[in-house]
Amino acid sequence: MKISLNKAPRYAAFTLIEMIGVLAVIAILASLLIPKILNAINDSRINNTVLSYNTMKTAVMDHYGKYGSFTATTNGAAISAQSLTNYATPLLVEGLIDKPFFTKIGTNSFVQVLQSTSVPGYDLDGDGANDVSTANATVLVEAIISGVSYSDAKDVNDRLDGATGNFIFPASGTDDTKGRVQYLSAGGGTLRIYIGHR
């Protein structure tokens, strides 16, 4: 038996064709997965907004049930005007919520209480008449989210008011004044969401 000493050992390696094939498969998988990942991220932002809204609505209704008023606290003392424009503050103090109202859409979000002549209209049932207005409400509690894109506003609207029926969201660049969710396109887009009124 003769042993050759001048042969280098052979290592298994990928050829250029095999490497290109592997990269092509990876590129195809990435092109299929990346849109799904981006949609999941967007869905989580919208779900966070709806969850934050529902948490605030529950806290506001608990406050009303406890004190019989949106604008009073322990022993009937009035909530300060500053707290009316940031209504999460008294709810935090009362322990009804554990953090301020915050959403992952828009640039600013808060809950406010409007009284008497400043109550805007809300057509909650889509019949064309305002169910909440200065004529029939002295106090309105609403969530305000500013700097909201049209697509995010539509997604929130579809989750809270429904995608079909009386509350069909208008075309981009126009206002939606029907239902619990209203979108005002001026000023970068403001989302107003009805919480309760008296």
Protein backbone atom coordinates (compact mmCIF):
# COMPACT_ATOMS: atom_id res chain seq x y z
CA MET A 1 0.00 0.00 0.00
CA LYS A 2 1.39 3.31 -1.11
CA ILE A 3 0.58 6.58 0.72
CA SER A 4 0.84 9.88 -1.13
CA LEU A 5 2.19 12.68 1.02
CA ASN A 6 1.90 15.58 -1.41
CA LYS A 7 -1.94 15.61 -1.74
CA ALA A 8 -3.73 18.29 0.29
CA PRO A 9 -6.84 17.14 2.11
CA ARG A 10 -10.13 18.05 0.40
CA TYR A 11 -12.70 19.99 2.38
CA ALA A 12 -16.38 20.01 1.50
CA ALA A 13 -17.37 23.54 0.41
CA PHE A 14 -20.31 25.27 -1.24
CA THR A 15 -20.02 26.18 -4.87
CA LEU A 16 -20.98 29.65 -6.10
CA ILE A 17 -24.21 28.27 -7.59
CA GLU A 18 -25.21 26.69 -4.27
CA MET A 19 -24.53 29.97 -2.42
CA ILE A 20 -26.65 31.93 -4.90
CA GLY A 21 -29.45 29.38 -4.49
CA VAL A 22 -29.38 29.68 -0.69
CA LEU A 23 -29.40 33.49 -0.89
CA ALA A 24 -32.33 33.39 -3.33
CA VAL A 25 -34.36 31.20 -0.95
CA ILE A 26 -33.57 33.54 1.95
CA ALA A 27 -34.60 36.57 -0.15
CA ILE A 28 -37.91 34.93 -1.11
CA LEU A 29 -38.69 34.03 2.51
CA ALA A 30 -37.81 37.57 3.67
CA SER A 31 -40.07 39.11 1.01
CA LEU A 32 -42.94 36.97 2.27
CA LEU A 33 -42.35 37.55 5.99
CA ILE A 34 -41.44 41.25 6.20
CA PRO A 35 -44.92 42.56 5.15
CA LYS A 36 -46.54 40.24 7.69
CA ILE A 37 -44.21 41.49 10.42
CA LEU A 38 -44.96 45.13 9.52
CA ASN A 39 -48.73 44.42 9.56
CA ALA A 40 -48.39 42.78 12.98
CA ILE A 41 -46.55 45.84 14.30
CA ASN A 42 -49.28 48.15 12.94
CA ASP A 43 -52.01 45.92 14.40
CA SER A 44 -50.33 46.09 17.80
CA ARG A 45 -50.32 49.91 17.64
CA ILE A 46 -54.03 49.97 16.83
CA ASN A 47 -54.80 47.35 19.49
CA ASN A 48 -52.86 49.42 22.04
CA THR A 49 -54.98 52.47 21.19
CA VAL A 50 -58.27 50.57 21.48
CA LEU A 51 -57.15 48.96 24.75
CA SER A 52 -56.07 52.33 26.19
CA TYR A 53 -59.42 53.82 25.17
CA ASN A 54 -61.40 50.96 26.74
CA THR A 55 -59.36 51.22 29.96
CA MET A 56 -60.08 54.96 30.17
CA LYS A 57 -63.77 54.44 29.40
CA THR A 58 -64.06 51.89 32.21
CA ALA A 59 -62.27 54.24 34.63
CA VAL A 60 -64.47 57.19 33.64
CA MET A 61 -67.63 55.15 34.13
CA ASP A 62 -66.35 53.85 37.49
CA HIS A 63 -65.68 57.45 38.54
CA TYR A 64 -69.18 58.48 37.46
CA GLY A 65 -70.72 55.52 39.29
CA LYS A 66 -68.82 56.39 42.45
CA TYR A 67 -69.47 60.15 42.53
CA GLY A 68 -72.56 60.57 40.34
CA SER A 69 -70.70 63.19 38.31
CA PHE A 70 -67.84 63.45 35.85
CA THR A 71 -66.61 66.66 37.46
CA ALA A 72 -66.71 65.86 41.20
CA THR A 73 -64.49 63.88 43.55
CA THR A 74 -64.63 62.88 47.21
CA ASN A 75 -67.21 64.88 49.24
CA GLY A 76 -68.52 66.49 46.04
CA ALA A 77 -65.43 68.70 45.55
CA ALA A 78 -65.08 69.93 41.97
CA ILE A 79 -62.26 68.67 39.78
CA SER A 80 -59.98 71.57 38.84
CA ALA A 81 -60.20 73.10 35.37
CA GLN A 82 -56.67 71.90 34.66
CA SER A 83 -57.70 68.32 35.43
CA LEU A 84 -60.67 68.66 33.09
CA THR A 85 -58.25 69.12 30.19
CA ASN A 86 -56.15 66.18 31.39
CA TYR A 87 -58.81 63.99 32.93
CA ALA A 88 -56.44 61.09 33.58
CA THR A 89 -54.96 63.02 36.53
CA PRO A 90 -57.94 62.65 38.91
CA LEU A 91 -58.44 59.07 37.75
CA LEU A 92 -54.80 58.33 38.64
CA VAL A 93 -55.23 59.91 42.07
CA GLU A 94 -58.36 57.85 42.71
CA GLY A 95 -56.55 54.66 41.67
CA LEU A 96 -58.96 53.94 38.81
CA ILE A 97 -56.09 53.76 36.32
CA ASP A 98 -52.43 52.94 36.85
CA LYS A 99 -50.92 55.15 34.11
CA PRO A 100 -51.94 58.21 32.07
CA PHE A 101 -53.82 57.83 28.79
CA PHE A 102 -51.22 57.05 26.12
CA THR A 103 -51.47 55.66 22.61
CA LYS A 104 -48.87 54.49 20.13
CA ILE A 105 -50.50 56.39 17.29
CA GLY A 106 -50.39 60.15 16.91
CA THR A 107 -48.20 62.70 18.63
CA ASN A 108 -50.30 63.59 21.67
CA SER A 109 -53.16 61.90 23.50
CA PHE A 110 -55.31 62.96 26.45
CA VAL A 111 -58.82 62.68 27.86
CA GLN A 112 -60.82 65.85 28.39
CA VAL A 113 -64.13 66.92 29.88
CA LEU A 114 -66.08 69.60 28.01
CA GLN A 115 -68.93 71.47 29.66
CA SER A 116 -72.05 73.37 28.52
CA THR A 117 -71.60 75.35 25.30
CA SER A 118 -68.30 73.72 24.32
CA VAL A 119 -69.85 70.24 23.84
CA PRO A 120 -69.35 69.25 20.16
CA GLY A 121 -71.83 67.04 18.32
CA TYR A 122 -71.63 63.25 18.21
CA ASP A 123 -74.01 61.34 15.94
CA LEU A 124 -73.71 58.00 17.72
CA ASP A 125 -76.37 56.06 15.81
CA GLY A 126 -75.75 57.42 12.29
CA ASP A 127 -79.24 58.85 11.75
CA GLY A 128 -77.90 62.31 10.86
CA ALA A 129 -78.93 63.93 14.15
CA ASN A 130 -76.49 64.67 16.96
CA ASP A 131 -77.17 62.40 19.93
CA VAL A 132 -74.72 64.42 22.00
CA SER A 133 -74.67 68.20 21.61
CA THR A 134 -75.04 71.42 23.60
CA ALA A 135 -78.82 70.92 23.34
CA ASN A 136 -78.90 67.64 25.29
CA ALA A 137 -75.60 67.35 27.18
CA THR A 138 -74.01 69.54 29.81
CA VAL A 139 -70.84 67.46 30.15
CA LEU A 140 -68.96 65.36 27.59
CA VAL A 141 -65.92 63.16 28.18
CA GLU A 142 -63.83 62.34 25.12
CA ALA A 143 -60.39 61.04 24.21
CA ILE A 144 -58.34 63.25 21.91
CA ILE A 145 -55.41 61.95 19.86
CA SER A 146 -53.63 64.48 17.65
CA GLY A 147 -51.22 63.92 14.79
CA VAL A 148 -52.97 60.74 13.62
CA SER A 149 -52.56 59.53 10.05
CA TYR A 150 -55.65 58.78 8.01
CA SER A 151 -54.91 55.04 7.82
CA ASP A 152 -54.43 54.76 11.61
CA ALA A 153 -57.63 56.74 12.19
CA LYS A 154 -59.53 54.45 9.83
CA ASP A 155 -58.19 51.34 11.59
CA VAL A 156 -59.28 52.68 15.00
CA ASN A 157 -62.65 53.68 13.54
CA ASP A 158 -63.14 50.20 12.07
CA ARG A 159 -62.36 48.56 15.42
CA LEU A 160 -64.65 50.81 17.49
CA ASP A 161 -67.46 51.81 15.11
CA GLY A 162 -67.32 48.93 12.64
CA ALA A 163 -66.04 48.82 9.07
CA THR A 164 -69.51 48.74 7.52
CA GLY A 165 -72.94 50.06 8.30
CA ASN A 166 -73.76 53.65 9.25
CA PHE A 167 -70.21 54.70 10.00
CA ILE A 168 -68.30 54.31 6.76
CA PHE A 169 -65.05 56.25 6.98
CA PRO A 170 -64.72 59.00 4.36
CA ALA A 171 -62.04 59.32 1.71
CA SER A 172 -58.58 60.46 2.70
CA GLY A 173 -58.38 64.20 3.36
CA THR A 174 -61.98 64.61 4.51
CA ASP A 175 -63.54 64.62 7.96
CA ASP A 176 -65.54 61.84 9.63
CA THR A 177 -68.18 63.21 12.02
CA LYS A 178 -70.30 60.08 12.49
CA GLY A 179 -70.15 57.55 15.30
CA ARG A 180 -68.03 57.35 18.45
CA VAL A 181 -64.85 57.94 16.47
CA GLN A 182 -64.50 61.24 14.64
CA TYR A 183 -61.56 62.26 12.47
CA LEU A 184 -60.75 65.86 11.70
CA SER A 185 -58.15 66.03 8.93
CA ALA A 186 -57.05 69.64 9.55
CA GLY A 187 -53.87 70.26 11.51
CA GLY A 188 -52.25 66.89 10.85
CA GLY A 189 -55.29 64.81 11.81
CA THR A 190 -57.10 64.70 15.13
CA LEU A 191 -59.02 61.69 16.37
CA ARG A 192 -61.87 62.37 18.81
CA ILE A 193 -63.39 59.34 20.56
CA TYR A 194 -66.60 59.57 22.60
CA ILE A 195 -66.41 58.16 26.14
CA GLY A 196 -69.55 59.42 27.89
CA HIS A 197 -71.87 62.34 28.52
CA ARG A 198 -74.46 63.60 30.97
